[in-house]
N, C-alpha and C. Protein backbone atom coordinates (compact mmCIF):
# COMPACT_ATOMS: atom_id res chain seq x y z
N MET A 1 105.96 192.79 47.80
CA MET A 1 105.49 191.87 46.79
C MET A 1 103.98 191.73 46.90
N ASN A 2 103.35 191.61 45.78
CA ASN A 2 101.93 191.30 45.73
C ASN A 2 101.79 189.80 45.81
N GLN A 3 101.36 189.28 46.95
CA GLN A 3 101.21 187.84 47.06
C GLN A 3 99.94 187.41 46.34
N ILE A 4 100.07 186.35 45.58
CA ILE A 4 98.91 185.76 44.92
C ILE A 4 98.25 184.84 45.94
N THR A 5 96.99 185.05 46.15
CA THR A 5 96.26 184.24 47.11
C THR A 5 95.22 183.39 46.38
N VAL A 6 94.69 182.45 47.11
CA VAL A 6 93.61 181.63 46.58
C VAL A 6 92.46 182.53 46.14
N GLY A 7 92.15 183.53 46.96
CA GLY A 7 91.06 184.44 46.63
C GLY A 7 91.31 185.22 45.35
N GLN A 8 92.54 185.66 45.16
CA GLN A 8 92.86 186.40 43.95
C GLN A 8 92.75 185.51 42.71
N LEU A 9 93.15 184.25 42.87
CA LEU A 9 93.02 183.32 41.75
C LEU A 9 91.54 183.07 41.44
N ILE A 10 90.73 182.94 42.48
CA ILE A 10 89.29 182.74 42.28
C ILE A 10 88.70 183.94 41.55
N ARG A 11 89.11 185.14 41.95
CA ARG A 11 88.62 186.35 41.26
C ARG A 11 89.03 186.31 39.78
N HIS A 12 90.28 185.94 39.52
CA HIS A 12 90.76 185.86 38.14
C HIS A 12 89.93 184.86 37.34
N LEU A 13 89.70 183.67 37.91
CA LEU A 13 88.93 182.64 37.21
C LEU A 13 87.49 183.10 37.00
N ARG A 14 86.92 183.77 38.00
CA ARG A 14 85.54 184.25 37.91
C ARG A 14 85.40 185.28 36.79
N THR A 15 86.30 186.22 36.74
CA THR A 15 86.20 187.26 35.70
C THR A 15 86.50 186.69 34.32
N LYS A 16 87.42 185.74 34.28
CA LYS A 16 87.73 185.09 32.99
C LYS A 16 86.50 184.36 32.44
N LYS A 17 85.69 183.82 33.34
CA LYS A 17 84.50 183.08 32.94
C LYS A 17 83.28 184.01 32.84
N ASN A 18 83.49 185.30 33.03
CA ASN A 18 82.42 186.31 32.97
C ASN A 18 81.30 186.05 33.97
N LEU A 19 81.67 185.61 35.16
CA LEU A 19 80.70 185.42 36.24
C LEU A 19 80.74 186.63 37.16
N SER A 20 79.58 187.08 37.58
CA SER A 20 79.53 188.14 38.59
C SER A 20 79.73 187.49 39.96
N MET A 21 79.99 188.32 40.95
CA MET A 21 80.11 187.80 42.32
C MET A 21 78.79 187.18 42.76
N VAL A 22 77.71 187.78 42.36
CA VAL A 22 76.39 187.27 42.72
C VAL A 22 76.17 185.89 42.12
N GLU A 23 76.55 185.71 40.86
CA GLU A 23 76.39 184.41 40.21
C GLU A 23 77.26 183.35 40.88
N LEU A 24 78.51 183.72 41.19
CA LEU A 24 79.39 182.76 41.86
C LEU A 24 78.86 182.44 43.25
N ALA A 25 78.39 183.45 43.95
CA ALA A 25 77.83 183.23 45.29
C ALA A 25 76.65 182.26 45.24
N PHE A 26 75.79 182.42 44.24
CA PHE A 26 74.64 181.53 44.07
C PHE A 26 75.11 180.08 43.88
N GLN A 27 76.12 179.90 43.03
CA GLN A 27 76.61 178.55 42.77
C GLN A 27 77.32 177.95 43.99
N LEU A 28 77.96 178.81 44.79
CA LEU A 28 78.64 178.32 45.99
C LEU A 28 77.70 178.21 47.19
N GLU A 29 76.46 178.73 47.00
CA GLU A 29 75.46 178.73 48.07
C GLU A 29 75.92 179.54 49.27
N ILE A 30 76.53 180.70 48.97
CA ILE A 30 76.94 181.64 50.00
C ILE A 30 76.51 183.04 49.55
N SER A 31 76.71 184.02 50.40
CA SER A 31 76.32 185.39 50.05
C SER A 31 77.38 186.05 49.18
N GLN A 32 76.96 187.09 48.45
CA GLN A 32 77.90 187.85 47.63
C GLN A 32 78.98 188.49 48.49
N PRO A 33 78.64 189.06 49.67
CA PRO A 33 79.71 189.61 50.51
C PRO A 33 80.73 188.55 50.94
N SER A 34 80.29 187.31 51.11
CA SER A 34 81.23 186.23 51.45
C SER A 34 82.20 185.97 50.31
N VAL A 35 81.69 186.00 49.07
CA VAL A 35 82.57 185.84 47.91
C VAL A 35 83.58 186.98 47.88
N SER A 36 83.13 188.18 48.14
CA SER A 36 84.02 189.34 48.16
C SER A 36 85.11 189.17 49.21
N ARG A 37 84.73 188.71 50.41
CA ARG A 37 85.71 188.52 51.48
C ARG A 37 86.71 187.41 51.13
N ILE A 38 86.25 186.35 50.45
CA ILE A 38 87.17 185.28 50.02
C ILE A 38 88.15 185.85 49.00
N GLU A 39 87.64 186.57 48.02
CA GLU A 39 88.50 187.12 46.97
C GLU A 39 89.49 188.13 47.52
N ASN A 40 89.09 188.86 48.55
CA ASN A 40 89.98 189.86 49.14
C ASN A 40 90.90 189.28 50.22
N GLY A 41 90.71 188.01 50.54
CA GLY A 41 91.57 187.36 51.53
C GLY A 41 91.19 187.67 52.97
N THR A 42 90.01 188.24 53.18
CA THR A 42 89.56 188.54 54.53
C THR A 42 89.16 187.28 55.27
N ILE A 43 88.57 186.33 54.54
CA ILE A 43 88.23 185.04 55.12
C ILE A 43 88.80 183.94 54.23
N GLU A 44 89.02 182.79 54.82
CA GLU A 44 89.53 181.66 54.06
C GLU A 44 88.36 180.86 53.50
N ILE A 45 88.62 180.24 52.37
CA ILE A 45 87.62 179.39 51.74
C ILE A 45 87.57 178.06 52.49
N THR A 46 86.38 177.52 52.64
CA THR A 46 86.25 176.21 53.29
C THR A 46 86.54 175.11 52.28
N LEU A 47 86.75 173.92 52.78
CA LEU A 47 87.02 172.78 51.90
C LEU A 47 85.84 172.53 50.96
N SER A 48 84.63 172.58 51.49
CA SER A 48 83.46 172.32 50.63
C SER A 48 83.32 173.42 49.58
N GLN A 49 83.61 174.66 49.94
CA GLN A 49 83.57 175.75 48.97
C GLN A 49 84.66 175.56 47.92
N PHE A 50 85.83 175.14 48.36
CA PHE A 50 86.93 174.90 47.42
C PHE A 50 86.55 173.82 46.41
N GLU A 51 85.93 172.75 46.89
CA GLU A 51 85.50 171.67 45.99
C GLU A 51 84.51 172.20 44.96
N LYS A 52 83.59 173.06 45.40
CA LYS A 52 82.61 173.65 44.47
C LYS A 52 83.29 174.57 43.47
N VAL A 53 84.27 175.35 43.94
CA VAL A 53 85.02 176.24 43.04
C VAL A 53 85.68 175.43 41.94
N CYS A 54 86.30 174.32 42.32
CA CYS A 54 86.96 173.47 41.32
C CYS A 54 85.94 172.96 40.30
N CYS A 55 84.77 172.57 40.76
CA CYS A 55 83.72 172.09 39.83
C CYS A 55 83.24 173.22 38.93
N ILE A 56 83.00 174.39 39.50
CA ILE A 56 82.50 175.52 38.73
C ILE A 56 83.46 175.89 37.60
N PHE A 57 84.76 175.84 37.90
CA PHE A 57 85.75 176.24 36.91
C PHE A 57 86.36 175.04 36.18
N ASP A 58 85.74 173.87 36.38
CA ASP A 58 86.15 172.65 35.70
C ASP A 58 87.64 172.36 35.88
N LEU A 59 88.06 172.40 37.15
CA LEU A 59 89.45 172.15 37.51
C LEU A 59 89.52 171.05 38.56
N THR A 60 90.57 170.27 38.52
CA THR A 60 90.85 169.39 39.64
C THR A 60 91.56 170.24 40.69
N PRO A 61 91.58 169.80 41.94
CA PRO A 61 92.34 170.55 42.94
C PRO A 61 93.81 170.72 42.53
N ALA A 62 94.39 169.69 41.93
CA ALA A 62 95.79 169.79 41.49
C ALA A 62 95.96 170.87 40.43
N GLN A 63 95.02 170.94 39.49
CA GLN A 63 95.09 171.97 38.46
C GLN A 63 94.96 173.36 39.07
N PHE A 64 94.06 173.49 40.04
CA PHE A 64 93.88 174.78 40.72
C PHE A 64 95.20 175.21 41.36
N PHE A 65 95.82 174.30 42.11
CA PHE A 65 97.06 174.65 42.79
C PHE A 65 98.22 174.85 41.82
N ASN A 66 98.19 174.16 40.69
CA ASN A 66 99.20 174.42 39.66
C ASN A 66 99.06 175.84 39.12
N LEU A 67 97.82 176.28 38.89
CA LEU A 67 97.59 177.66 38.46
C LEU A 67 98.09 178.64 39.52
N LEU A 68 97.79 178.33 40.76
CA LEU A 68 98.23 179.18 41.86
C LEU A 68 99.76 179.24 41.90
N ASN A 69 100.39 178.09 41.77
CA ASN A 69 101.86 178.04 41.80
C ASN A 69 102.48 178.78 40.63
N GLN A 70 101.86 178.67 39.46
CA GLN A 70 102.40 179.37 38.28
C GLN A 70 102.39 180.88 38.53
N GLN A 71 101.32 181.37 39.12
CA GLN A 71 101.25 182.80 39.41
C GLN A 71 102.24 183.19 40.49
N VAL A 72 102.40 182.34 41.49
CA VAL A 72 103.36 182.63 42.56
C VAL A 72 104.78 182.58 42.01
N ASP A 73 105.08 181.57 41.18
CA ASP A 73 106.43 181.45 40.62
C ASP A 73 106.82 182.67 39.81
N THR A 74 105.86 183.23 39.09
CA THR A 74 106.13 184.41 38.28
C THR A 74 106.60 185.56 39.16
N GLN A 75 105.98 185.70 40.32
CA GLN A 75 106.36 186.80 41.21
C GLN A 75 107.49 186.43 42.15
N LEU A 76 107.73 185.14 42.38
CA LEU A 76 108.75 184.71 43.32
C LEU A 76 110.14 185.14 42.88
N ASP A 77 110.42 185.06 41.58
CA ASP A 77 111.74 185.48 41.10
C ASP A 77 112.00 186.94 41.45
N ASP A 78 111.00 187.80 41.26
CA ASP A 78 111.14 189.21 41.63
C ASP A 78 111.31 189.36 43.13
N TYR A 79 110.55 188.59 43.88
CA TYR A 79 110.57 188.67 45.33
C TYR A 79 111.93 188.24 45.88
N ILE A 80 112.47 187.15 45.36
CA ILE A 80 113.76 186.67 45.84
C ILE A 80 114.84 187.71 45.55
N GLY A 81 114.71 188.40 44.44
CA GLY A 81 115.65 189.46 44.13
C GLY A 81 115.60 190.57 45.17
N GLU A 82 114.41 190.84 45.73
CA GLU A 82 114.25 191.87 46.74
C GLU A 82 114.68 191.39 48.12
N LYS A 83 114.40 190.15 48.43
CA LYS A 83 114.68 189.60 49.76
C LYS A 83 115.81 188.59 49.67
N LYS A 84 116.94 188.95 50.21
CA LYS A 84 118.10 188.06 50.14
C LYS A 84 117.99 186.92 51.14
N ASP A 85 117.32 187.15 52.26
CA ASP A 85 117.24 186.14 53.30
C ASP A 85 115.88 185.45 53.28
N LEU A 86 115.72 184.52 52.37
CA LEU A 86 114.46 183.82 52.20
C LEU A 86 114.11 182.98 53.44
N THR A 87 115.12 182.44 54.11
CA THR A 87 114.87 181.63 55.31
C THR A 87 114.18 182.45 56.38
N THR A 88 114.64 183.67 56.59
CA THR A 88 114.01 184.55 57.59
C THR A 88 112.58 184.85 57.20
N GLU A 89 112.36 185.12 55.93
CA GLU A 89 111.00 185.40 55.45
C GLU A 89 110.09 184.20 55.68
N LEU A 90 110.60 183.01 55.42
CA LEU A 90 109.79 181.80 55.63
C LEU A 90 109.45 181.64 57.11
N HIS A 91 110.40 181.91 57.98
CA HIS A 91 110.14 181.83 59.42
C HIS A 91 109.03 182.79 59.83
N VAL A 92 109.06 184.00 59.29
CA VAL A 92 108.04 185.00 59.61
C VAL A 92 106.67 184.50 59.14
N LEU A 93 106.62 183.97 57.92
CA LEU A 93 105.35 183.47 57.40
C LEU A 93 104.82 182.31 58.23
N ILE A 94 105.70 181.38 58.58
CA ILE A 94 105.29 180.21 59.36
C ILE A 94 104.79 180.62 60.73
N ASP A 95 105.46 181.59 61.34
CA ASP A 95 105.04 182.07 62.66
C ASP A 95 103.62 182.63 62.65
N GLN A 96 103.17 183.12 61.51
CA GLN A 96 101.85 183.72 61.40
C GLN A 96 100.74 182.68 61.17
N LEU A 97 101.11 181.43 60.94
CA LEU A 97 100.13 180.38 60.68
C LEU A 97 99.49 179.88 61.97
N SER A 98 98.27 179.40 61.85
CA SER A 98 97.62 178.75 62.99
C SER A 98 98.24 177.37 63.18
N SER A 99 97.94 176.74 64.29
CA SER A 99 98.47 175.39 64.55
C SER A 99 98.03 174.41 63.47
N GLU A 100 96.76 174.51 63.06
CA GLU A 100 96.25 173.61 62.02
C GLU A 100 96.96 173.86 60.69
N GLN A 101 97.20 175.12 60.36
CA GLN A 101 97.90 175.45 59.12
C GLN A 101 99.34 174.93 59.16
N LYS A 102 99.97 175.04 60.32
CA LYS A 102 101.35 174.53 60.47
C LYS A 102 101.37 173.01 60.28
N LYS A 103 100.37 172.31 60.82
CA LYS A 103 100.29 170.87 60.65
C LYS A 103 100.13 170.53 59.17
N GLY A 104 99.27 171.27 58.48
CA GLY A 104 99.07 171.04 57.04
C GLY A 104 100.34 171.28 56.26
N LEU A 105 101.05 172.34 56.60
CA LEU A 105 102.32 172.63 55.93
C LEU A 105 103.34 171.54 56.19
N TYR A 106 103.38 171.05 57.41
CA TYR A 106 104.30 169.96 57.77
C TYR A 106 104.03 168.72 56.92
N VAL A 107 102.76 168.36 56.82
CA VAL A 107 102.38 167.19 56.02
C VAL A 107 102.74 167.43 54.55
N PHE A 108 102.47 168.64 54.07
CA PHE A 108 102.77 168.98 52.68
C PHE A 108 104.26 168.88 52.38
N LEU A 109 105.10 169.26 53.33
CA LEU A 109 106.55 169.29 53.11
C LEU A 109 107.25 167.95 53.31
N GLN A 110 106.57 166.98 53.90
CA GLN A 110 107.20 165.69 54.19
C GLN A 110 107.86 165.03 52.98
N PRO A 111 107.23 165.04 51.79
CA PRO A 111 107.89 164.39 50.65
C PRO A 111 109.20 165.05 50.24
N TYR A 112 109.44 166.27 50.68
CA TYR A 112 110.65 166.99 50.29
C TYR A 112 111.81 166.78 51.24
N LYS A 113 111.57 166.05 52.34
CA LYS A 113 112.66 165.76 53.28
C LYS A 113 113.67 164.84 52.62
N LYS A 114 114.92 165.10 52.90
CA LYS A 114 115.99 164.25 52.33
C LYS A 114 116.41 163.18 53.30
């Protein structure tokens, strides 16, 4: 499956707005190679960069993540068809997270506890 990442969504938004990497880098106050690495998923975007991205593309963080989820949902149906054991896949993904990412995921999932 082609996973949709934050970086891929940023690339999509950037090209939709006809911004070059250099122009986006200038607005984010980072280098063009850093924008490239974010879009390619080589490095993660910082919180301050994320806030600037939302401002540049006139999105709230919730709107950004809704766009991300819409793209993921589109591919998730295909992915679930390929992978019958979603629980195992989730375990693999969680195992790859850092401790801080696991804490964030835990906090994110709390409202879904029954």
